[in-house]
Amino acid sequence: MSSCDVVYGASAVVFVGRSVLLVKRGEAPAAGYWSFPGGHVCAGENAKAAARREVYEETGLEVEITGYVGERDIHSNETGEHGRIYRLSIYTGRVQSGRAPDAASDAADARFVPFDELGNYLLTSGADDVIRSAWFLLHGEAI
């Protein structure tokens, strides 16, 4: 049985109207895929603070964390025989200003994507389910 490293991370699903904030990953893991702003939790930092920080670092947007969606494990074997598990805490957030996102840090692009255009984007595994779950938690209706 092989062992895995566990890397703790956090992300935020941010909606404006019927659009969701997505970033195009510029680096591994998932380079070229679209997902939510997020990344590692620093030593001494809680996951909620990490989600806010990562949104700001990757998009320049300040968000208020408004809820908790849940935790997901993403398995990766990009490191060869020694696998890695990314354990993500996922939150919902609300933008505190009306400005557009500006890709920064390890994000190659950042934008608000209308729900009806999500099929045109190469999303990370499970991202569509997370968007639907987060929307339902916030609004009590399916998208």
C-alpha atoms as a PDB file:
ATOM      1  CA  MET A   1       0.000   0.000   0.000  1.00  0.00           C
ATOM      2  CA  SER A   2       1.425   3.372  -0.967  1.00  0.00           C
ATOM      3  CA  SER A   3       1.337   6.369   1.325  1.00  0.00           C
ATOM      4  CA  CYS A   4      -0.007   9.790   0.450  1.00  0.00           C
ATOM      5  CA  ASP A   5       0.899  13.285   1.504  1.00  0.00           C
ATOM      6  CA  VAL A   6      -2.072  15.391   2.596  1.00  0.00           C
ATOM      7  CA  VAL A   7      -1.980  19.054   1.601  1.00  0.00           C
ATOM      8  CA  TYR A   8      -4.638  21.259   3.217  1.00  0.00           C
ATOM      9  CA  GLY A   9      -6.279  23.908   1.112  1.00  0.00           C
ATOM     10  CA  ALA A  10      -9.292  26.169   0.937  1.00  0.00           C
ATOM     11  CA  SER A  11     -11.363  27.729  -1.811  1.00  0.00           C
ATOM     12  CA  ALA A  12     -14.394  29.951  -2.207  1.00  0.00           C
ATOM     13  CA  VAL A  13     -17.336  29.719  -4.580  1.00  0.00           C
ATOM     14  CA  VAL A  14     -18.329  33.335  -5.269  1.00  0.00           C
ATOM     15  CA  PHE A  15     -21.499  34.277  -7.138  1.00  0.00           C
ATOM     16  CA  VAL A  16     -22.550  37.573  -8.692  1.00  0.00           C
ATOM     17  CA  GLY A  17     -26.060  37.281 -10.045  1.00  0.00           C
ATOM     18  CA  ARG A  18     -26.230  33.988 -11.941  1.00  0.00           C
ATOM     19  CA  SER A  19     -22.474  33.907 -12.604  1.00  0.00           C
ATOM     20  CA  VAL A  20     -19.675  32.223 -10.674  1.00  0.00           C
ATOM     21  CA  LEU A  21     -16.101  33.417 -10.171  1.00  0.00           C
ATOM     22  CA  LEU A  22     -13.624  31.063 -11.849  1.00  0.00           C
ATOM     23  CA  VAL A  23      -9.879  31.138 -12.336  1.00  0.00           C
ATOM     24  CA  LYS A  24      -7.880  29.320 -14.973  1.00  0.00           C
ATOM     25  CA  ARG A  25      -5.111  27.412 -13.239  1.00  0.00           C
ATOM     26  CA  GLY A  26      -1.702  28.486 -14.497  1.00  0.00           C
ATOM     27  CA  GLU A  27       0.329  25.856 -12.632  1.00  0.00           C
ATOM     28  CA  ALA A  28       0.085  22.216 -11.552  1.00  0.00           C
ATOM     29  CA  PRO A  29      -2.021  20.667 -10.283  1.00  0.00           C
ATOM     30  CA  ALA A  30      -4.768  21.191 -12.883  1.00  0.00           C
ATOM     31  CA  ALA A  31      -2.918  23.698 -15.078  1.00  0.00           C
ATOM     32  CA  GLY A  32      -5.228  24.867 -17.875  1.00  0.00           C
ATOM     33  CA  TYR A  33      -8.399  23.911 -16.029  1.00  0.00           C
ATOM     34  CA  TRP A  34     -10.945  26.361 -14.623  1.00  0.00           C
ATOM     35  CA  SER A  35     -11.965  26.210 -10.980  1.00  0.00           C
ATOM     36  CA  PHE A  36     -12.562  28.347  -7.916  1.00  0.00           C
ATOM     37  CA  PRO A  37      -9.924  30.595  -6.436  1.00  0.00           C
ATOM     38  CA  GLY A  38      -8.129  28.628  -3.775  1.00  0.00           C
ATOM     39  CA  GLY A  39      -4.918  27.144  -2.572  1.00  0.00           C
ATOM     40  CA  HIS A  40      -2.913  26.024   0.420  1.00  0.00           C
ATOM     41  CA  VAL A  41      -3.615  26.836   4.051  1.00  0.00           C
ATOM     42  CA  CYS A  42      -0.537  28.414   5.638  1.00  0.00           C
ATOM     43  CA  ALA A  43       0.786  27.286   9.018  1.00  0.00           C
ATOM     44  CA  GLY A  44      -1.219  29.009  11.756  1.00  0.00           C
ATOM     45  CA  GLU A  45      -3.948  30.100   9.328  1.00  0.00           C
ATOM     46  CA  ASN A  46      -7.502  28.776   9.463  1.00  0.00           C
ATOM     47  CA  ALA A  47      -9.177  27.517   6.289  1.00  0.00           C
ATOM     48  CA  LYS A  48     -11.726  30.349   6.172  1.00  0.00           C
ATOM     49  CA  ALA A  49      -8.962  32.985   6.261  1.00  0.00           C
ATOM     50  CA  ALA A  50      -7.019  31.016   3.634  1.00  0.00           C
ATOM     51  CA  ALA A  51     -10.040  31.019   1.291  1.00  0.00           C
ATOM     52  CA  ARG A  52     -10.363  34.827   1.586  1.00  0.00           C
ATOM     53  CA  ARG A  53      -6.620  35.311   1.080  1.00  0.00           C
ATOM     54  CA  GLU A  54      -6.487  33.022  -1.953  1.00  0.00           C
ATOM     55  CA  VAL A  55      -9.423  34.798  -3.646  1.00  0.00           C
ATOM     56  CA  TYR A  56      -7.624  38.099  -3.138  1.00  0.00           C
ATOM     57  CA  GLU A  57      -4.238  36.787  -4.316  1.00  0.00           C
ATOM     58  CA  GLU A  58      -5.664  35.159  -7.463  1.00  0.00           C
ATOM     59  CA  THR A  59      -8.278  37.761  -8.460  1.00  0.00           C
ATOM     60  CA  GLY A  60      -7.651  40.989  -6.534  1.00  0.00           C
ATOM     61  CA  LEU A  61     -11.194  40.759  -5.146  1.00  0.00           C
ATOM     62  CA  GLU A  62     -11.973  41.078  -1.460  1.00  0.00           C
ATOM     63  CA  VAL A  63     -14.728  38.714  -0.373  1.00  0.00           C
ATOM     64  CA  GLU A  64     -16.791  38.136   2.704  1.00  0.00           C
ATOM     65  CA  ILE A  65     -17.100  34.430   3.510  1.00  0.00           C
ATOM     66  CA  THR A  66     -20.827  33.718   3.837  1.00  0.00           C
ATOM     67  CA  GLY A  67     -21.071  29.964   4.328  1.00  0.00           C
ATOM     68  CA  TYR A  68     -19.465  26.549   4.348  1.00  0.00           C
ATOM     69  CA  VAL A  69     -20.079  24.098   1.491  1.00  0.00           C
ATOM     70  CA  GLY A  70     -17.998  21.187   2.785  1.00  0.00           C
ATOM     71  CA  GLU A  71     -14.720  19.364   2.443  1.00  0.00           C
ATOM     72  CA  ARG A  72     -13.401  17.474  -0.597  1.00  0.00           C
ATOM     73  CA  ASP A  73     -10.414  15.261  -1.115  1.00  0.00           C
ATOM     74  CA  ILE A  74      -8.758  15.487  -4.509  1.00  0.00           C
ATOM     75  CA  HIS A  75      -6.338  12.663  -5.259  1.00  0.00           C
ATOM     76  CA  SER A  76      -3.311  13.348  -7.403  1.00  0.00           C
ATOM     77  CA  ASN A  77      -0.539  11.054  -8.528  1.00  0.00           C
ATOM     78  CA  GLU A  78       1.408  13.759 -10.346  1.00  0.00           C
ATOM     79  CA  THR A  79       4.306  13.164  -7.965  1.00  0.00           C
ATOM     80  CA  GLY A  80       4.906   9.636  -9.296  1.00  0.00           C
ATOM     81  CA  GLU A  81       4.460   6.617  -7.060  1.00  0.00           C
ATOM     82  CA  HIS A  82       4.036   8.750  -3.939  1.00  0.00           C
ATOM     83  CA  GLY A  83       0.531  10.198  -4.275  1.00  0.00           C
ATOM     84  CA  ARG A  84      -0.851  13.391  -2.847  1.00  0.00           C
ATOM     85  CA  ILE A  85      -4.267  14.243  -1.444  1.00  0.00           C
ATOM     86  CA  TYR A  86      -5.451  17.839  -1.555  1.00  0.00           C
ATOM     87  CA  ARG A  87      -7.988  18.231   1.272  1.00  0.00           C
ATOM     88  CA  LEU A  88     -10.022  21.338   0.451  1.00  0.00           C
ATOM     89  CA  SER A  89     -12.383  23.242   2.705  1.00  0.00           C
ATOM     90  CA  ILE A  90     -14.890  24.952   0.411  1.00  0.00           C
ATOM     91  CA  TYR A  91     -16.741  28.133   1.346  1.00  0.00           C
ATOM     92  CA  THR A  92     -19.186  30.502  -0.291  1.00  0.00           C
ATOM     93  CA  GLY A  93     -18.311  34.153  -0.559  1.00  0.00           C
ATOM     94  CA  ARG A  94     -19.695  37.523  -1.567  1.00  0.00           C
ATOM     95  CA  VAL A  95     -17.685  40.177  -3.401  1.00  0.00           C
ATOM     96  CA  GLN A  96     -17.278  43.359  -1.366  1.00  0.00           C
ATOM     97  CA  SER A  97     -16.848  45.645  -4.378  1.00  0.00           C
ATOM     98  CA  GLY A  98     -18.238  45.913  -7.896  1.00  0.00           C
ATOM     99  CA  ARG A  99     -14.905  45.578  -9.686  1.00  0.00           C
ATOM    100  CA  ALA A 100     -13.969  42.868 -12.163  1.00  0.00           C
ATOM    101  CA  PRO A 101     -11.462  40.147 -11.224  1.00  0.00           C
ATOM    102  CA  ASP A 102      -7.860  40.534 -12.350  1.00  0.00           C
ATOM    103  CA  ALA A 103      -5.838  37.316 -12.644  1.00  0.00           C
ATOM    104  CA  ALA A 104      -2.735  37.259 -10.465  1.00  0.00           C
ATOM    105  CA  SER A 105      -0.536  34.844  -8.518  1.00  0.00           C
ATOM    106  CA  ASP A 106      -0.790  31.379 -10.112  1.00  0.00           C
ATOM    107  CA  ALA A 107      -4.049  32.143 -11.993  1.00  0.00           C
ATOM    108  CA  ALA A 108      -3.696  32.514 -15.765  1.00  0.00           C
ATOM    109  CA  ASP A 109      -7.148  34.129 -16.109  1.00  0.00           C
ATOM    110  CA  ALA A 110     -10.063  35.091 -13.860  1.00  0.00           C
ATOM    111  CA  ARG A 111     -13.659  35.969 -14.687  1.00  0.00           C
ATOM    112  CA  PHE A 112     -17.285  35.694 -13.704  1.00  0.00           C
ATOM    113  CA  VAL A 113     -18.829  32.958 -15.873  1.00  0.00           C
ATOM    114  CA  PRO A 114     -22.608  32.867 -16.440  1.00  0.00           C
ATOM    115  CA  PHE A 115     -24.157  29.506 -15.554  1.00  0.00           C
ATOM    116  CA  ASP A 116     -25.335  28.928 -19.124  1.00  0.00           C
ATOM    117  CA  GLU A 117     -21.717  29.214 -20.388  1.00  0.00           C
ATOM    118  CA  LEU A 118     -20.112  26.751 -17.951  1.00  0.00           C
ATOM    119  CA  GLY A 119     -20.234  23.996 -20.580  1.00  0.00           C
ATOM    120  CA  ASN A 120     -17.724  25.989 -22.647  1.00  0.00           C
ATOM    121  CA  TYR A 121     -15.065  25.758 -19.912  1.00  0.00           C
ATOM    122  CA  LEU A 122     -12.749  22.877 -19.030  1.00  0.00           C
ATOM    123  CA  LEU A 123     -13.632  22.609 -15.329  1.00  0.00           C
ATOM    124  CA  THR A 124     -11.713  20.698 -12.684  1.00  0.00           C
ATOM    125  CA  SER A 125     -13.271  17.394 -11.655  1.00  0.00           C
ATOM    126  CA  GLY A 126     -16.361  17.941  -9.521  1.00  0.00           C
ATOM    127  CA  ALA A 127     -16.433  21.734  -9.924  1.00  0.00           C
ATOM    128  CA  ASP A 128     -19.875  21.660 -11.537  1.00  0.00           C
ATOM    129  CA  ASP A 129     -21.302  19.690  -8.583  1.00  0.00           C
ATOM    130  CA  VAL A 130     -19.739  22.125  -6.106  1.00  0.00           C
ATOM    131  CA  ILE A 131     -21.248  25.106  -7.960  1.00  0.00           C
ATOM    132  CA  ARG A 132     -24.692  23.479  -7.851  1.00  0.00           C
ATOM    133  CA  SER A 133     -24.362  22.565  -4.161  1.00  0.00           C
ATOM    134  CA  ALA A 134     -23.169  26.039  -3.185  1.00  0.00           C
ATOM    135  CA  TRP A 135     -25.981  27.725  -5.126  1.00  0.00           C
ATOM    136  CA  PHE A 136     -28.557  25.444  -3.519  1.00  0.00           C
ATOM    137  CA  LEU A 137     -27.169  26.139  -0.033  1.00  0.00           C
ATOM    138  CA  LEU A 138     -27.399  29.890  -0.602  1.00  0.00           C
ATOM    139  CA  HIS A 139     -30.649  30.106  -2.564  1.00  0.00           C
ATOM    140  CA  GLY A 140     -32.587  26.905  -1.911  1.00  0.00           C
ATOM    141  CA  GLU A 141     -33.053  26.291  -5.619  1.00  0.00           C
ATOM    142  CA  ALA A 142     -31.332  24.220  -8.264  1.00  0.00           C
ATOM    143  CA  ILE A 143     -29.496  25.711 -11.225  1.00  0.00           C
END
